[in-house]
C-alpha atoms as a PDB file:
ATOM      1  CA  MET A   1     -24.888 -49.363  25.630  1.00  0.00           C
ATOM      2  CA  GLN A   2     -22.000 -51.847  24.958  1.00  0.00           C
ATOM      3  CA  ASP A   3     -18.472 -51.474  26.482  1.00  0.00           C
ATOM      4  CA  LYS A   4     -16.645 -50.816  23.296  1.00  0.00           C
ATOM      5  CA  SER A   5     -19.200 -47.593  23.249  1.00  0.00           C
ATOM      6  CA  ILE A   6     -18.595 -46.128  26.277  1.00  0.00           C
ATOM      7  CA  ASP A   7     -14.758 -46.879  26.094  1.00  0.00           C
ATOM      8  CA  GLY A   8     -14.967 -45.078  22.940  1.00  0.00           C
ATOM      9  CA  ALA A   9     -16.721 -42.036  24.212  1.00  0.00           C
ATOM     10  CA  LEU A  10     -14.400 -41.576  27.298  1.00  0.00           C
ATOM     11  CA  LEU A  11     -11.200 -41.445  24.597  1.00  0.00           C
ATOM     12  CA  ALA A  12     -13.331 -39.003  22.680  1.00  0.00           C
ATOM     13  CA  LEU A  13     -13.987 -36.984  25.703  1.00  0.00           C
ATOM     14  CA  ARG A  14     -10.317 -37.111  27.027  1.00  0.00           C
ATOM     15  CA  LYS A  15      -9.020 -35.756  23.848  1.00  0.00           C
ATOM     16  CA  GLN A  16     -11.643 -33.320  23.618  1.00  0.00           C
ATOM     17  CA  ILE A  17     -10.782 -31.968  26.952  1.00  0.00           C
ATOM     18  CA  ILE A  18      -7.007 -32.397  26.653  1.00  0.00           C
ATOM     19  CA  ARG A  19      -7.133 -30.201  23.304  1.00  0.00           C
ATOM     20  CA  GLY A  20      -9.643 -27.739  24.357  1.00  0.00           C
ATOM     21  CA  ASN A  21      -7.600 -27.108  27.711  1.00  0.00           C
ATOM     22  CA  GLY A  22     -10.987 -28.418  29.809  1.00  0.00           C
ATOM     23  CA  GLU A  23     -11.772 -29.710  33.147  1.00  0.00           C
ATOM     24  CA  GLY A  24     -12.490 -33.106  34.102  1.00  0.00           C
ATOM     25  CA  ILE A  25      -9.531 -34.715  32.867  1.00  0.00           C
ATOM     26  CA  ALA A  26      -8.705 -36.531  36.467  1.00  0.00           C
ATOM     27  CA  HIS A  27     -12.351 -38.094  36.330  1.00  0.00           C
ATOM     28  CA  VAL A  28     -12.363 -39.106  32.691  1.00  0.00           C
ATOM     29  CA  GLU A  29      -8.997 -40.510  33.201  1.00  0.00           C
ATOM     30  CA  ALA A  30     -10.529 -42.354  36.472  1.00  0.00           C
ATOM     31  CA  LEU A  31     -13.468 -44.267  34.563  1.00  0.00           C
ATOM     32  CA  LEU A  32     -10.713 -45.205  31.989  1.00  0.00           C
ATOM     33  CA  VAL A  33      -8.621 -46.815  34.686  1.00  0.00           C
ATOM     34  CA  MET A  34     -11.168 -48.385  36.292  1.00  0.00           C
ATOM     35  CA  ARG A  35     -12.656 -49.818  33.114  1.00  0.00           C
ATOM     36  CA  GLY A  36      -8.780 -51.007  32.102  1.00  0.00           C
ATOM     37  CA  VAL A  37      -8.630 -49.022  28.864  1.00  0.00           C
ATOM     38  CA  PRO A  38      -4.965 -48.269  28.152  1.00  0.00           C
ATOM     39  CA  MET A  39      -4.615 -44.406  27.084  1.00  0.00           C
ATOM     40  CA  PRO A  40      -2.686 -43.168  24.165  1.00  0.00           C
ATOM     41  CA  ALA A  41      -1.060 -40.170  23.844  1.00  0.00           C
ATOM     42  CA  VAL A  42      -3.196 -37.156  22.147  1.00  0.00           C
ATOM     43  CA  LEU A  43      -1.496 -35.397  19.839  1.00  0.00           C
ATOM     44  CA  PRO A  44      -2.616 -31.747  19.474  1.00  0.00           C
ATOM     45  CA  ALA A  45      -4.891 -30.765  17.110  1.00  0.00           C
ATOM     46  CA  LYS A  46      -3.467 -30.013  13.723  1.00  0.00           C
ATOM     47  CA  LYS A  47      -3.747 -26.574  12.574  1.00  0.00           C
ATOM     48  CA  PRO A  48      -5.651 -25.696   9.350  1.00  0.00           C
ATOM     49  CA  ASP A  49      -3.679 -25.445   6.167  1.00  0.00           C
ATOM     50  CA  ALA A  50      -3.726 -22.031   5.242  1.00  0.00           C
ATOM     51  CA  ALA A  51      -4.075 -23.014   1.538  1.00  0.00           C
ATOM     52  CA  ARG A  52      -7.643 -24.560   0.800  1.00  0.00           C
ATOM     53  CA  LYS A  53      -7.339 -27.363  -1.606  1.00  0.00           C
ATOM     54  CA  GLY A  54      -6.983 -25.650  -5.261  1.00  0.00           C
ATOM     55  CA  MET A  55      -5.762 -22.323  -4.028  1.00  0.00           C
ATOM     56  CA  MET A  56      -2.355 -22.791  -5.401  1.00  0.00           C
ATOM     57  CA  ARG A  57      -4.287 -23.449  -9.008  1.00  0.00           C
ATOM     58  CA  ILE A  58      -6.459 -20.126  -8.521  1.00  0.00           C
ATOM     59  CA  ILE A  59      -3.320 -18.265  -7.264  1.00  0.00           C
ATOM     60  CA  ILE A  60      -0.985 -19.828 -10.439  1.00  0.00           C
ATOM     61  CA  LEU A  61      -3.977 -19.275 -13.160  1.00  0.00           C
ATOM     62  CA  ASP A  62      -4.522 -15.597 -11.626  1.00  0.00           C
ATOM     63  CA  GLY A  63      -0.583 -14.897 -11.980  1.00  0.00           C
ATOM     64  CA  ILE A  64      -0.509 -16.344 -15.600  1.00  0.00           C
ATOM     65  CA  ARG A  65      -3.204 -13.997 -16.679  1.00  0.00           C
ATOM     66  CA  GLN A  66      -1.800 -10.853 -15.172  1.00  0.00           C
ATOM     67  CA  GLY A  67       1.625 -11.679 -16.970  1.00  0.00           C
ATOM     68  CA  TYR A  68       3.537 -13.833 -14.625  1.00  0.00           C
ATOM     69  CA  ARG A  69       4.595 -16.589 -17.027  1.00  0.00           C
ATOM     70  CA  THR A  70       8.094 -18.196 -16.269  1.00  0.00           C
ATOM     71  CA  GLN A  71       8.105 -20.593 -13.094  1.00  0.00           C
ATOM     72  CA  ARG A  72      10.485 -18.084 -11.195  1.00  0.00           C
ATOM     73  CA  GLU A  73       7.987 -15.177 -11.951  1.00  0.00           C
ATOM     74  CA  LEU A  74       5.468 -17.233 -10.926  1.00  0.00           C
ATOM     75  CA  ALA A  75       6.716 -18.462  -7.769  1.00  0.00           C
ATOM     76  CA  ALA A  76       7.493 -14.881  -6.806  1.00  0.00           C
ATOM     77  CA  TYR A  77       3.603 -14.018  -7.572  1.00  0.00           C
ATOM     78  CA  VAL A  78       2.643 -17.162  -5.274  1.00  0.00           C
ATOM     79  CA  ALA A  79       5.135 -15.885  -2.497  1.00  0.00           C
ATOM     80  CA  GLY A  80       3.388 -12.487  -2.601  1.00  0.00           C
ATOM     81  CA  LYS A  81      -0.201 -13.995  -2.264  1.00  0.00           C
ATOM     82  CA  ARG A  82       1.059 -16.498   0.427  1.00  0.00           C
ATOM     83  CA  PRO A  83       3.157 -14.716   3.224  1.00  0.00           C
ATOM     84  CA  ASP A  84       2.967 -18.184   5.198  1.00  0.00           C
ATOM     85  CA  LEU A  85       5.547 -19.508   2.593  1.00  0.00           C
ATOM     86  CA  ASP A  86       8.807 -18.686   2.514  1.00  0.00           C
ATOM     87  CA  PRO A  87      10.442 -17.825  -1.321  1.00  0.00           C
ATOM     88  CA  ARG A  88      11.919 -21.518  -1.520  1.00  0.00           C
ATOM     89  CA  ALA A  89       8.916 -23.172  -0.253  1.00  0.00           C
ATOM     90  CA  ALA A  90       6.770 -21.047  -2.393  1.00  0.00           C
ATOM     91  CA  TYR A  91       8.789 -22.032  -5.289  1.00  0.00           C
ATOM     92  CA  LEU A  92       8.463 -25.867  -4.354  1.00  0.00           C
ATOM     93  CA  ARG A  93       4.935 -25.147  -4.274  1.00  0.00           C
ATOM     94  CA  THR A  94       4.574 -23.494  -7.358  1.00  0.00           C
ATOM     95  CA  THR A  95       6.821 -26.495  -9.342  1.00  0.00           C
ATOM     96  CA  GLN A  96       4.160 -29.036  -7.905  1.00  0.00           C
ATOM     97  CA  ALA A  97       1.181 -27.508  -8.778  1.00  0.00           C
ATOM     98  CA  LEU A  98       2.272 -26.485 -11.973  1.00  0.00           C
ATOM     99  CA  GLN A  99       3.019 -30.152 -12.936  1.00  0.00           C
ATOM    100  CA  LYS A 100      -0.139 -31.186 -11.603  1.00  0.00           C
ATOM    101  CA  MET A 101      -1.942 -28.867 -13.474  1.00  0.00           C
ATOM    102  CA  ARG A 102       0.280 -29.621 -16.526  1.00  0.00           C
ATOM    103  CA  LEU A 103      -0.936 -33.490 -16.182  1.00  0.00           C
ATOM    104  CA  ALA A 104      -4.423 -32.028 -15.914  1.00  0.00           C
ATOM    105  CA  GLY A 105      -4.299 -30.406 -19.046  1.00  0.00           C
ATOM    106  CA  MET A 106      -4.504 -26.926 -17.472  1.00  0.00           C
ATOM    107  CA  VAL A 107      -1.370 -25.262 -18.381  1.00  0.00           C
ATOM    108  CA  ARG A 108       1.142 -26.040 -20.983  1.00  0.00           C
ATOM    109  CA  GLN A 109       4.841 -24.554 -20.885  1.00  0.00           C
ATOM    110  CA  GLU A 110       6.866 -23.227 -24.189  1.00  0.00           C
ATOM    111  CA  SER A 111       9.828 -21.871 -24.395  1.00  0.00           C
ATOM    112  CA  GLY A 112      10.062 -21.631 -20.666  1.00  0.00           C
ATOM    113  CA  VAL A 113       6.935 -19.874 -20.738  1.00  0.00           C
ATOM    114  CA  TRP A 114       3.769 -21.204 -18.910  1.00  0.00           C
ATOM    115  CA  LEU A 115       0.508 -20.530 -20.676  1.00  0.00           C
ATOM    116  CA  ALA A 116      -2.873 -21.306 -19.657  1.00  0.00           C
ATOM    117  CA  GLN A 117      -5.067 -23.799 -21.647  1.00  0.00           C
END
């Protein structure tokens, strides 16, 4: 096994132990020190995004089908479906999603009202 493979495996193990609150960190770090490998800071694991990719599109299209047509109505609908978002964040996310959906030809806006294509 090459030295860089061993170093990489030890660094990965160190990260796994730190993020998982496991035991043995002192042993792994001692091996890294002995090998002269610098130990970068380990950031906490990213928490999974509450919204899966495409979820905003699904929520917005569902809202349009249920009769919510203006941007404010759709944002309020999104806020109800996504309790992790405050109303302002729901409005911003709705705005971004509507613009992307408009560019993709999924929705169109007529007189301030959003319609599905």
